PDB file of all heavy atoms in Angstrom:
ATOM      1  N   MET A   1      -2.138  -7.873  -0.484  1.00  0.00           N
ATOM      2  CA  MET A   1      -1.217  -7.078   0.327  1.00  0.00           C
ATOM      3  C   MET A   1      -0.880  -5.772  -0.386  1.00  0.00           C
ATOM      4  O   MET A   1       0.177  -5.602  -0.997  1.00  0.00           O
ATOM      5  CB  MET A   1       0.059  -7.880   0.599  1.00  0.00           C
ATOM      6  CG  MET A   1      -0.154  -9.147   1.381  1.00  0.00           C
ATOM      7  SD  MET A   1      -0.851  -8.812   3.010  1.00  0.00           S
ATOM      8  CE  MET A   1      -0.948 -10.471   3.690  1.00  0.00           C
ATOM      9  N   ASP A   2      -1.817  -4.858  -0.366  1.00  0.00           N
ATOM     10  CA  ASP A   2      -1.685  -3.579  -1.048  1.00  0.00           C
ATOM     11  C   ASP A   2      -2.316  -2.520  -0.178  1.00  0.00           C
ATOM     12  O   ASP A   2      -3.542  -2.338  -0.165  1.00  0.00           O
ATOM     13  CB  ASP A   2      -2.367  -3.651  -2.423  1.00  0.00           C
ATOM     14  CG  ASP A   2      -2.238  -2.384  -3.219  1.00  0.00           C
ATOM     15  OD1 ASP A   2      -1.823  -1.348  -2.634  1.00  0.00           O
ATOM     16  OD2 ASP A   2      -2.557  -2.375  -4.423  1.00  0.00           O
ATOM     17  N   THR A   3      -1.471  -1.795   0.608  1.00  0.00           N
ATOM     18  CA  THR A   3      -2.022  -0.807   1.524  1.00  0.00           C
ATOM     19  C   THR A   3      -2.477   0.482   0.841  1.00  0.00           C
ATOM     20  O   THR A   3      -2.938   1.406   1.506  1.00  0.00           O
ATOM     21  CB  THR A   3      -0.982  -0.440   2.605  1.00  0.00           C
ATOM     22  OG1 THR A   3       0.156   0.203   1.955  1.00  0.00           O
ATOM     23  CG2 THR A   3      -0.533  -1.658   3.352  1.00  0.00           C
ATOM     24  N   THR A   4      -2.367   0.526  -0.484  1.00  0.00           N
ATOM     25  CA  THR A   4      -2.864   1.685  -1.209  1.00  0.00           C
ATOM     26  C   THR A   4      -4.347   1.533  -1.534  1.00  0.00           C
ATOM     27  O   THR A   4      -4.962   2.420  -2.113  1.00  0.00           O
ATOM     28  CB  THR A   4      -2.066   1.900  -2.520  1.00  0.00           C
ATOM     29  OG1 THR A   4      -2.318   0.804  -3.396  1.00  0.00           O
ATOM     30  CG2 THR A   4      -0.589   2.018  -2.232  1.00  0.00           C
ATOM     31  N   THR A   5      -4.908   0.372  -1.189  1.00  0.00           N
ATOM     32  CA  THR A   5      -6.341   0.088  -1.422  1.00  0.00           C
ATOM     33  C   THR A   5      -7.031  -0.137  -0.076  1.00  0.00           C
ATOM     34  O   THR A   5      -6.388  -0.574   0.870  1.00  0.00           O
ATOM     35  CB  THR A   5      -6.561  -1.119  -2.323  1.00  0.00           C
ATOM     36  OG1 THR A   5      -6.158  -2.310  -1.648  1.00  0.00           O
ATOM     37  CG2 THR A   5      -5.796  -0.988  -3.641  1.00  0.00           C
ATOM     38  N   SER A   6      -8.321   0.097  -0.034  1.00  0.00           N
ATOM     39  CA  SER A   6      -9.069  -0.128   1.200  1.00  0.00           C
ATOM     40  C   SER A   6      -9.095  -1.588   1.609  1.00  0.00           C
ATOM     41  O   SER A   6      -8.965  -1.934   2.775  1.00  0.00           O
ATOM     42  CB  SER A   6     -10.511   0.420   1.064  1.00  0.00           C
ATOM     43  OG  SER A   6     -11.143  -0.232  -0.039  1.00  0.00           O
ATOM     44  N   SER A   7      -9.207  -2.484   0.625  1.00  0.00           N
ATOM     45  CA  SER A   7      -9.231  -3.914   0.903  1.00  0.00           C
ATOM     46  C   SER A   7      -7.873  -4.380   1.408  1.00  0.00           C
ATOM     47  O   SER A   7      -7.785  -5.247   2.294  1.00  0.00           O
ATOM     48  CB  SER A   7      -9.625  -4.720  -0.351  1.00  0.00           C
ATOM     49  OG  SER A   7      -8.686  -4.498  -1.402  1.00  0.00           O
ATOM     50  N   GLY A   8      -6.796  -3.807   0.873  1.00  0.00           N
ATOM     51  CA  GLY A   8      -5.466  -4.175   1.316  1.00  0.00           C
ATOM     52  C   GLY A   8      -5.197  -3.717   2.754  1.00  0.00           C
ATOM     53  O   GLY A   8      -4.610  -4.427   3.552  1.00  0.00           O
ATOM     54  N   ARG A   9      -5.663  -2.497   3.082  1.00  0.00           N
ATOM     55  CA  ARG A   9      -5.512  -1.996   4.437  1.00  0.00           C
ATOM     56  C   ARG A   9      -6.311  -2.843   5.429  1.00  0.00           C
ATOM     57  O   ARG A   9      -5.863  -3.124   6.530  1.00  0.00           O
ATOM     58  CB  ARG A   9      -5.960  -0.528   4.518  1.00  0.00           C
ATOM     59  CG  ARG A   9      -4.986   0.465   3.851  1.00  0.00           C
ATOM     60  CD  ARG A   9      -5.329   1.882   4.155  1.00  0.00           C
ATOM     61  NE  ARG A   9      -6.591   2.289   3.538  1.00  0.00           N
ATOM     62  CZ  ARG A   9      -6.653   2.787   2.303  1.00  0.00           C
ATOM     63  NH1 ARG A   9      -5.574   2.929   1.587  1.00  0.00           N
ATOM     64  NH2 ARG A   9      -7.836   3.130   1.810  1.00  0.00           N
ATOM     65  N   PHE A  10      -7.474  -3.298   4.983  1.00  0.00           N
ATOM     66  CA  PHE A  10      -8.304  -4.153   5.822  1.00  0.00           C
ATOM     67  C   PHE A  10      -7.603  -5.485   6.082  1.00  0.00           C
ATOM     68  O   PHE A  10      -7.663  -6.021   7.189  1.00  0.00           O
ATOM     69  CB  PHE A  10      -9.656  -4.391   5.132  1.00  0.00           C
ATOM     70  CG  PHE A  10     -10.605  -5.280   5.901  1.00  0.00           C
ATOM     71  CD1 PHE A  10     -11.084  -4.918   7.128  1.00  0.00           C
ATOM     72  CD2 PHE A  10     -10.966  -6.528   5.390  1.00  0.00           C
ATOM     73  CE1 PHE A  10     -11.928  -5.740   7.852  1.00  0.00           C
ATOM     74  CE2 PHE A  10     -11.801  -7.367   6.089  1.00  0.00           C
ATOM     75  CZ  PHE A  10     -12.314  -6.973   7.330  1.00  0.00           C
ATOM     76  N   MET A  11      -6.929  -6.020   5.060  1.00  0.00           N
ATOM     77  CA  MET A  11      -6.222  -7.288   5.186  1.00  0.00           C
ATOM     78  C   MET A  11      -5.119  -7.182   6.254  1.00  0.00           C
ATOM     79  O   MET A  11      -4.947  -8.080   7.057  1.00  0.00           O
ATOM     80  CB  MET A  11      -5.630  -7.701   3.832  1.00  0.00           C
ATOM     81  CG  MET A  11      -4.854  -9.038   3.907  1.00  0.00           C
ATOM     82  SD  MET A  11      -5.872 -10.414   4.410  1.00  0.00           S
ATOM     83  CE  MET A  11      -6.995 -10.534   2.991  1.00  0.00           C
ATOM     84  N   PHE A  12      -4.413  -6.028   6.251  1.00  0.00           N
ATOM     85  CA  PHE A  12      -3.358  -5.849   7.229  1.00  0.00           C
ATOM     86  C   PHE A  12      -3.937  -5.672   8.634  1.00  0.00           C
ATOM     87  O   PHE A  12      -3.313  -6.070   9.606  1.00  0.00           O
ATOM     88  CB  PHE A  12      -2.468  -4.653   6.863  1.00  0.00           C
ATOM     89  CG  PHE A  12      -1.324  -5.027   5.953  1.00  0.00           C
ATOM     90  CD1 PHE A  12      -1.367  -4.735   4.612  1.00  0.00           C
ATOM     91  CD2 PHE A  12      -0.223  -5.682   6.450  1.00  0.00           C
ATOM     92  CE1 PHE A  12      -0.324  -5.097   3.773  1.00  0.00           C
ATOM     93  CE2 PHE A  12       0.853  -6.037   5.620  1.00  0.00           C
ATOM     94  CZ  PHE A  12       0.795  -5.754   4.279  1.00  0.00           C
ATOM     95  N   GLN A  13      -5.109  -5.088   8.725  1.00  0.00           N
ATOM     96  CA  GLN A  13      -5.765  -4.946  10.040  1.00  0.00           C
ATOM     97  C   GLN A  13      -6.118  -6.344  10.585  1.00  0.00           C
ATOM     98  O   GLN A  13      -5.949  -6.580  11.794  1.00  0.00           O
ATOM     99  CB  GLN A  13      -7.022  -4.090   9.910  1.00  0.00           C
ATOM    100  CG  GLN A  13      -6.749  -2.637   9.672  1.00  0.00           C
ATOM    101  CD  GLN A  13      -7.992  -1.821   9.409  1.00  0.00           C
ATOM    102  OE1 GLN A  13      -9.106  -2.374   9.300  1.00  0.00           O
ATOM    103  NE2 GLN A  13      -7.853  -0.533   9.259  1.00  0.00           N
ATOM    104  N   ILE A  14      -6.578  -7.229   9.706  1.00  0.00           N
ATOM    105  CA  ILE A  14      -6.877  -8.597  10.130  1.00  0.00           C
ATOM    106  C   ILE A  14      -5.606  -9.287  10.600  1.00  0.00           C
ATOM    107  O   ILE A  14      -5.576  -9.953  11.636  1.00  0.00           O
ATOM    108  CB  ILE A  14      -7.527  -9.382   8.976  1.00  0.00           C
ATOM    109  CG1 ILE A  14      -8.910  -8.824   8.657  1.00  0.00           C
ATOM    110  CG2 ILE A  14      -7.631 -10.885   9.324  1.00  0.00           C
ATOM    111  CD1 ILE A  14      -9.578  -9.465   7.459  1.00  0.00           C
ATOM    112  N   LEU A  15      -4.529  -9.124   9.820  1.00  0.00           N
ATOM    113  CA  LEU A  15      -3.239  -9.734  10.144  1.00  0.00           C
ATOM    114  C   LEU A  15      -2.733  -9.261  11.519  1.00  0.00           C
ATOM    115  O   LEU A  15      -2.240 -10.008  12.317  1.00  0.00           O
ATOM    116  CB  LEU A  15      -2.217  -9.411   9.078  1.00  0.00           C
ATOM    117  CG  LEU A  15      -0.879 -10.128   9.112  1.00  0.00           C
ATOM    118  CD1 LEU A  15      -1.046 -11.629   8.975  1.00  0.00           C
ATOM    119  CD2 LEU A  15       0.061  -9.617   8.011  1.00  0.00           C
ATOM    120  N   ALA A  16      -2.904  -7.947  11.752  1.00  0.00           N
ATOM    121  CA  ALA A  16      -2.465  -7.355  13.022  1.00  0.00           C
ATOM    122  C   ALA A  16      -3.292  -7.911  14.175  1.00  0.00           C
ATOM    123  O   ALA A  16      -2.764  -8.192  15.258  1.00  0.00           O
ATOM    124  CB  ALA A  16      -2.602  -5.813  12.966  1.00  0.00           C
ATOM    125  N   SER A  17      -4.590  -8.084  13.946  1.00  0.00           N
ATOM    126  CA  SER A  17      -5.476  -8.619  14.980  1.00  0.00           C
ATOM    127  C   SER A  17      -5.120 -10.055  15.328  1.00  0.00           C
ATOM    128  O   SER A  17      -5.090 -10.429  16.500  1.00  0.00           O
ATOM    129  CB  SER A  17      -6.944  -8.539  14.531  1.00  0.00           C
ATOM    130  OG  SER A  17      -7.352  -7.204  14.340  1.00  0.00           O
ATOM    131  N   VAL A  18      -4.850 -10.853  14.301  1.00  0.00           N
ATOM    132  CA  VAL A  18      -4.460 -12.251  14.517  1.00  0.00           C
ATOM    133  C   VAL A  18      -3.152 -12.320  15.275  1.00  0.00           C
ATOM    134  O   VAL A  18      -2.998 -13.128  16.216  1.00  0.00           O
ATOM    135  CB  VAL A  18      -4.327 -13.007  13.159  1.00  0.00           C
ATOM    136  CG1 VAL A  18      -3.716 -14.385  13.402  1.00  0.00           C
ATOM    137  CG2 VAL A  18      -5.704 -13.140  12.503  1.00  0.00           C
ATOM    138  N   SER A  19      -2.208 -11.449  14.926  1.00  0.00           N
ATOM    139  CA  SER A  19      -0.911 -11.434  15.590  1.00  0.00           C
ATOM    140  C   SER A  19      -1.049 -11.035  17.077  1.00  0.00           C
ATOM    141  O   SER A  19      -0.416 -11.624  17.948  1.00  0.00           O
ATOM    142  CB  SER A  19       0.034 -10.436  14.895  1.00  0.00           C
ATOM    143  OG  SER A  19       1.285 -10.386  15.516  1.00  0.00           O
ATOM    144  N   GLU A  20      -1.917 -10.053  17.339  1.00  0.00           N
ATOM    145  CA  GLU A  20      -2.153  -9.626  18.719  1.00  0.00           C
ATOM    146  C   GLU A  20      -2.813 -10.729  19.518  1.00  0.00           C
ATOM    147  O   GLU A  20      -2.467 -10.996  20.691  1.00  0.00           O
ATOM    148  CB  GLU A  20      -3.037  -8.382  18.754  1.00  0.00           C
ATOM    149  CG  GLU A  20      -3.294  -7.840  20.131  1.00  0.00           C
ATOM    150  CD  GLU A  20      -4.166  -6.610  20.147  1.00  0.00           C
ATOM    151  OE1 GLU A  20      -4.667  -6.226  19.068  1.00  0.00           O
ATOM    152  OE2 GLU A  20      -4.370  -6.023  21.228  1.00  0.00           O
ATOM    153  N   PHE A  21      -3.757 -11.437  18.900  1.00  0.00           N
ATOM    154  CA  PHE A  21      -4.433 -12.569  19.539  1.00  0.00           C
ATOM    155  C   PHE A  21      -3.444 -13.662  19.907  1.00  0.00           C
ATOM    156  O   PHE A  21      -3.477 -14.210  20.992  1.00  0.00           O
ATOM    157  CB  PHE A  21      -5.507 -13.132  18.570  1.00  0.00           C
ATOM    158  CG  PHE A  21      -6.221 -14.328  19.087  1.00  0.00           C
ATOM    159  CD1 PHE A  21      -7.076 -14.243  20.193  1.00  0.00           C
ATOM    160  CD2 PHE A  21      -6.047 -15.573  18.480  1.00  0.00           C
ATOM    161  CE1 PHE A  21      -7.743 -15.345  20.662  1.00  0.00           C
ATOM    162  CE2 PHE A  21      -6.715 -16.696  18.972  1.00  0.00           C
ATOM    163  CZ  PHE A  21      -7.567 -16.589  20.054  1.00  0.00           C
ATOM    164  N   GLU A  22      -2.509 -13.926  18.993  1.00  0.00           N
ATOM    165  CA  GLU A  22      -1.482 -14.942  19.252  1.00  0.00           C
ATOM    166  C   GLU A  22      -0.574 -14.525  20.413  1.00  0.00           C
ATOM    167  O   GLU A  22      -0.247 -15.345  21.269  1.00  0.00           O
ATOM    168  CB  GLU A  22      -0.646 -15.148  17.960  1.00  0.00           C
ATOM    169  CG  GLU A  22       0.391 -16.254  18.104  1.00  0.00           C
ATOM    170  CD  GLU A  22       1.194 -16.455  16.833  1.00  0.00           C
ATOM    171  OE1 GLU A  22       1.378 -15.453  16.101  1.00  0.00           O
ATOM    172  OE2 GLU A  22       1.649 -17.573  16.577  1.00  0.00           O
ATOM    173  N   ARG A  23      -0.209 -13.255  20.464  1.00  0.00           N
ATOM    174  CA  ARG A  23       0.644 -12.761  21.550  1.00  0.00           C
ATOM    175  C   ARG A  23      -0.071 -12.872  22.886  1.00  0.00           C
ATOM    176  O   ARG A  23       0.539 -13.248  23.891  1.00  0.00           O
ATOM    177  CB  ARG A  23       1.034 -11.298  21.301  1.00  0.00           C
ATOM    178  CG  ARG A  23       2.080 -11.097  20.210  1.00  0.00           C
ATOM    179  CD  ARG A  23       2.702  -9.698  20.276  1.00  0.00           C
ATOM    180  NE  ARG A  23       1.699  -8.655  20.159  1.00  0.00           N
ATOM    181  CZ  ARG A  23       1.281  -8.143  19.017  1.00  0.00           C
ATOM    182  NH1 ARG A  23       1.802  -8.583  17.871  1.00  0.00           N
ATOM    183  NH2 ARG A  23       0.378  -7.169  18.956  1.00  0.00           N
ATOM    184  N   ASN A  24      -1.384 -12.585  22.891  1.00  0.00           N
ATOM    185  CA  ASN A  24      -2.164 -12.701  24.126  1.00  0.00           C
ATOM    186  C   ASN A  24      -2.234 -14.138  24.630  1.00  0.00           C
ATOM    187  O   ASN A  24      -2.160 -14.386  25.824  1.00  0.00           O
ATOM    188  CB  ASN A  24      -3.585 -12.143  23.930  1.00  0.00           C
ATOM    189  CG  ASN A  24      -3.581 -10.630  23.761  1.00  0.00           C
ATOM    190  OD1 ASN A  24      -2.664  -9.960  24.195  1.00  0.00           O
ATOM    191  ND2 ASN A  24      -4.615 -10.109  23.121  1.00  0.00           N
TER     192      ASN A  24
END
């Protein structure tokens, strides 16, 4: 969980996608 790195930003994108999937 480090948005100052590319891997960290990618992790948050995955988290956001999972959250959106759950809402749907």
